[in-house]
N, C-alpha and C. Protein backbone atom coordinates (compact mmCIF):
# COMPACT_ATOMS: atom_id res chain seq x y z
N MET A 1 99.20 76.82 84.76
CA MET A 1 97.75 76.85 85.03
C MET A 1 97.39 75.88 86.14
N ARG A 2 96.38 76.25 86.88
CA ARG A 2 95.92 75.37 87.94
C ARG A 2 94.98 74.32 87.37
N LYS A 3 95.05 73.16 87.98
CA LYS A 3 94.16 72.10 87.55
C LYS A 3 92.79 72.36 88.16
N GLU A 4 91.75 72.20 87.35
CA GLU A 4 90.41 72.47 87.85
C GLU A 4 89.99 71.40 88.82
N LYS A 5 89.48 71.83 89.96
CA LYS A 5 89.02 70.87 90.95
C LYS A 5 87.58 70.50 90.62
N THR A 6 87.25 69.24 90.87
CA THR A 6 85.86 68.83 90.63
C THR A 6 85.20 68.61 91.97
N LYS A 7 83.94 68.94 92.04
CA LYS A 7 83.21 68.86 93.29
C LYS A 7 82.05 67.89 93.08
N GLU A 8 81.92 66.93 93.98
CA GLU A 8 80.85 65.93 93.84
C GLU A 8 79.59 66.45 94.50
N THR A 9 78.50 66.46 93.73
CA THR A 9 77.22 66.83 94.32
C THR A 9 76.19 65.84 93.82
N HIS A 10 75.63 65.09 94.73
CA HIS A 10 74.60 64.09 94.42
C HIS A 10 75.04 63.14 93.31
N GLY A 11 76.26 62.63 93.46
CA GLY A 11 76.74 61.64 92.51
C GLY A 11 77.03 62.18 91.13
N MET A 12 77.00 63.48 90.99
CA MET A 12 77.26 64.03 89.67
C MET A 12 78.51 64.91 89.78
N LYS A 13 79.43 64.70 88.86
CA LYS A 13 80.64 65.51 88.92
C LYS A 13 80.36 66.87 88.33
N MET A 14 80.70 67.88 89.13
CA MET A 14 80.42 69.23 88.67
C MET A 14 81.74 69.97 88.55
N ARG A 15 81.94 70.61 87.45
CA ARG A 15 83.16 71.40 87.31
C ARG A 15 82.93 72.74 87.97
N ARG A 16 83.88 73.11 88.80
CA ARG A 16 83.73 74.38 89.48
C ARG A 16 84.17 75.50 88.55
N ARG A 17 83.37 76.54 88.51
CA ARG A 17 83.74 77.67 87.67
C ARG A 17 84.94 78.38 88.28
N ARG A 18 85.81 78.80 87.41
CA ARG A 18 87.05 79.37 87.91
C ARG A 18 86.95 80.87 88.17
N THR A 19 85.99 81.53 87.56
CA THR A 19 85.97 82.99 87.62
C THR A 19 85.85 83.49 89.06
N ALA A 20 84.94 82.91 89.81
CA ALA A 20 84.71 83.39 91.18
C ALA A 20 85.98 83.23 92.01
N THR A 21 86.58 82.03 91.90
CA THR A 21 87.78 81.80 92.71
C THR A 21 88.88 82.78 92.31
N LYS A 22 88.97 83.02 91.01
CA LYS A 22 89.99 83.94 90.54
C LYS A 22 89.77 85.32 91.15
N LYS A 23 88.50 85.73 91.15
CA LYS A 23 88.18 87.05 91.73
C LYS A 23 88.57 87.10 93.19
N TRP A 24 88.23 86.01 93.91
CA TRP A 24 88.57 85.98 95.33
C TRP A 24 90.07 86.06 95.52
N ARG A 25 90.77 85.29 94.66
CA ARG A 25 92.23 85.30 94.76
C ARG A 25 92.78 86.70 94.55
N MET A 26 92.22 87.36 93.54
CA MET A 26 92.67 88.72 93.24
C MET A 26 92.41 89.64 94.42
N ARG A 27 91.22 89.48 95.00
CA ARG A 27 90.86 90.34 96.12
C ARG A 27 91.83 90.14 97.29
N ARG A 28 92.15 88.84 97.52
CA ARG A 28 93.08 88.52 98.60
C ARG A 28 94.45 89.14 98.34
N LYS A 29 94.86 89.05 97.08
CA LYS A 29 96.14 89.62 96.67
C LYS A 29 96.15 91.11 96.96
N GLU A 30 95.07 91.77 96.54
CA GLU A 30 94.96 93.22 96.74
C GLU A 30 95.09 93.55 98.22
N ARG A 31 94.34 92.79 99.04
CA ARG A 31 94.34 93.05 100.47
C ARG A 31 95.75 92.93 101.04
N ARG A 32 96.43 91.86 100.58
CA ARG A 32 97.80 91.64 101.06
C ARG A 32 98.69 92.82 100.69
N ARG A 33 98.52 93.27 99.42
CA ARG A 33 99.36 94.37 98.96
C ARG A 33 99.09 95.63 99.79
N LYS A 34 97.80 95.88 100.04
CA LYS A 34 97.43 97.05 100.83
C LYS A 34 98.08 96.98 102.20
N LYS A 35 98.01 95.78 102.80
CA LYS A 35 98.59 95.57 104.12
C LYS A 35 100.07 95.92 104.11
N ARG A 36 100.77 95.39 103.07
CA ARG A 36 102.20 95.65 102.96
C ARG A 36 102.49 97.14 102.86
N VAL A 37 101.71 97.80 102.01
CA VAL A 37 101.90 99.23 101.79
C VAL A 37 101.67 99.99 103.10
N ARG A 38 100.59 99.60 103.81
CA ARG A 38 100.27 100.26 105.07
C ARG A 38 101.43 100.12 106.05
N LYS A 39 102.00 98.90 106.10
CA LYS A 39 103.14 98.65 106.99
C LYS A 39 104.28 99.58 106.65
N LYS A 40 104.58 99.67 105.34
CA LYS A 40 105.69 100.52 104.90
C LYS A 40 105.45 101.95 105.33
N VAL A 41 104.23 102.43 105.10
CA VAL A 41 103.89 103.81 105.43
C VAL A 41 104.08 104.05 106.92
N MET A 42 103.57 103.09 107.73
CA MET A 42 103.70 103.22 109.18
C MET A 42 105.17 103.30 109.59
N ASN A 43 105.98 102.41 109.01
CA ASN A 43 107.40 102.42 109.34
C ASN A 43 108.05 103.75 109.00
N LYS A 44 107.68 104.28 107.83
CA LYS A 44 108.25 105.56 107.42
C LYS A 44 107.87 106.64 108.42
N MET A 45 106.59 106.64 108.81
CA MET A 45 106.12 107.65 109.76
C MET A 45 106.88 107.55 111.07
N LYS A 46 107.05 106.29 111.54
CA LYS A 46 107.77 106.07 112.80
C LYS A 46 109.18 106.61 112.69
N GLU A 47 109.83 106.31 111.56
CA GLU A 47 111.21 106.78 111.36
C GLU A 47 111.27 108.30 111.44
N ARG A 48 110.32 108.94 110.74
CA ARG A 48 110.29 110.40 110.71
C ARG A 48 110.13 110.94 112.13
N LEU A 49 109.24 110.30 112.89
CA LEU A 49 108.98 110.73 114.25
C LEU A 49 110.27 110.63 115.08
N LYS A 50 110.95 109.49 114.92
CA LYS A 50 112.21 109.28 115.65
C LYS A 50 113.18 110.41 115.34
N ILE A 51 113.29 110.73 114.05
CA ILE A 51 114.25 111.76 113.63
C ILE A 51 113.90 113.10 114.27
N THR A 52 112.62 113.45 114.22
CA THR A 52 112.22 114.75 114.79
C THR A 52 112.48 114.77 116.29
N LYS A 53 112.18 113.66 116.97
CA LYS A 53 112.43 113.60 118.41
C LYS A 53 113.90 113.80 118.70
N ARG A 54 114.74 113.12 117.90
CA ARG A 54 116.19 113.23 118.09
C ARG A 54 116.62 114.68 117.94
N ARG A 55 116.08 115.36 116.92
CA ARG A 55 116.43 116.76 116.69
C ARG A 55 116.08 117.61 117.90
N GLN A 56 114.86 117.39 118.43
CA GLN A 56 114.44 118.17 119.59
C GLN A 56 115.36 117.93 120.77
N GLN A 57 115.72 116.66 120.99
CA GLN A 57 116.61 116.35 122.10
C GLN A 57 117.95 117.05 121.94
N GLN A 58 118.45 117.08 120.71
CA GLN A 58 119.74 117.73 120.47
C GLN A 58 119.67 119.22 120.81
N GLN A 59 118.55 119.84 120.51
CA GLN A 59 118.41 121.26 120.80
C GLN A 59 118.51 121.51 122.30
N PHE A 60 117.90 120.61 123.09
CA PHE A 60 117.83 120.86 124.52
C PHE A 60 118.90 120.11 125.31
N SER A 61 119.81 119.45 124.60
CA SER A 61 120.80 118.68 125.34
C SER A 61 121.93 119.60 125.77
N TYR A 62 122.31 119.48 127.02
CA TYR A 62 123.43 120.25 127.55
C TYR A 62 124.44 119.25 128.09
N SER A 63 125.64 119.68 128.22
CA SER A 63 126.62 118.80 128.87
C SER A 63 126.30 118.79 130.36
N ARG A 64 126.80 117.79 131.05
CA ARG A 64 126.47 117.61 132.47
C ARG A 64 126.82 118.85 133.29
N SER A 65 127.98 119.41 133.06
CA SER A 65 128.42 120.56 133.85
C SER A 65 127.48 121.75 133.64
N GLN A 66 127.11 121.97 132.38
CA GLN A 66 126.21 123.08 132.09
C GLN A 66 124.88 122.89 132.80
N GLN A 67 124.39 121.65 132.79
CA GLN A 67 123.11 121.37 133.43
C GLN A 67 123.18 121.70 134.91
N ASN A 68 124.24 121.22 135.54
CA ASN A 68 124.40 121.47 136.97
C ASN A 68 124.45 122.96 137.24
N HIS A 69 125.19 123.65 136.39
CA HIS A 69 125.32 125.09 136.53
C HIS A 69 123.93 125.73 136.47
N ARG A 70 123.15 125.31 135.49
CA ARG A 70 121.83 125.88 135.30
C ARG A 70 120.97 125.67 136.54
N PHE A 71 121.06 124.47 137.10
CA PHE A 71 120.20 124.18 138.26
C PHE A 71 120.70 124.93 139.50
N ARG A 72 122.01 125.16 139.57
CA ARG A 72 122.55 125.87 140.73
C ARG A 72 122.17 127.34 140.68
N MET A 73 122.01 127.84 139.48
CA MET A 73 121.74 129.27 139.33
C MET A 73 120.35 129.66 139.82
N ILE A 74 119.46 128.68 139.92
CA ILE A 74 118.10 128.99 140.35
C ILE A 74 118.13 129.42 141.82
N PRO A 75 117.70 130.64 142.12
CA PRO A 75 117.76 131.10 143.51
C PRO A 75 116.71 130.41 144.37
N ILE A 76 117.14 130.07 145.58
CA ILE A 76 116.21 129.39 146.49
C ILE A 76 115.77 130.40 147.55
C-alpha cells in the first residue's frame, strides 16, 4: 500500500483523499495499455503490408535475361 501524503493548507494538515488519485492512476494505466495495443496493431498491419508487397514483387519479378529479352522485343 502507498503511504498517504499529507498536504499543508493554512497550517492545518489535511489528508488527501485517495479515491481521485486512484482514478487518475487507473485512467493513466488504461491510456498506456491502449497505446501499447495500438502500437501492436500498427506493427501487425505494417507486417501484413510488407508481406503483400513482397508477394506482388515475386509475381512480377523476372530474371535479368528475361527482362532484357522483354525490353528488346518492343519494336521501335
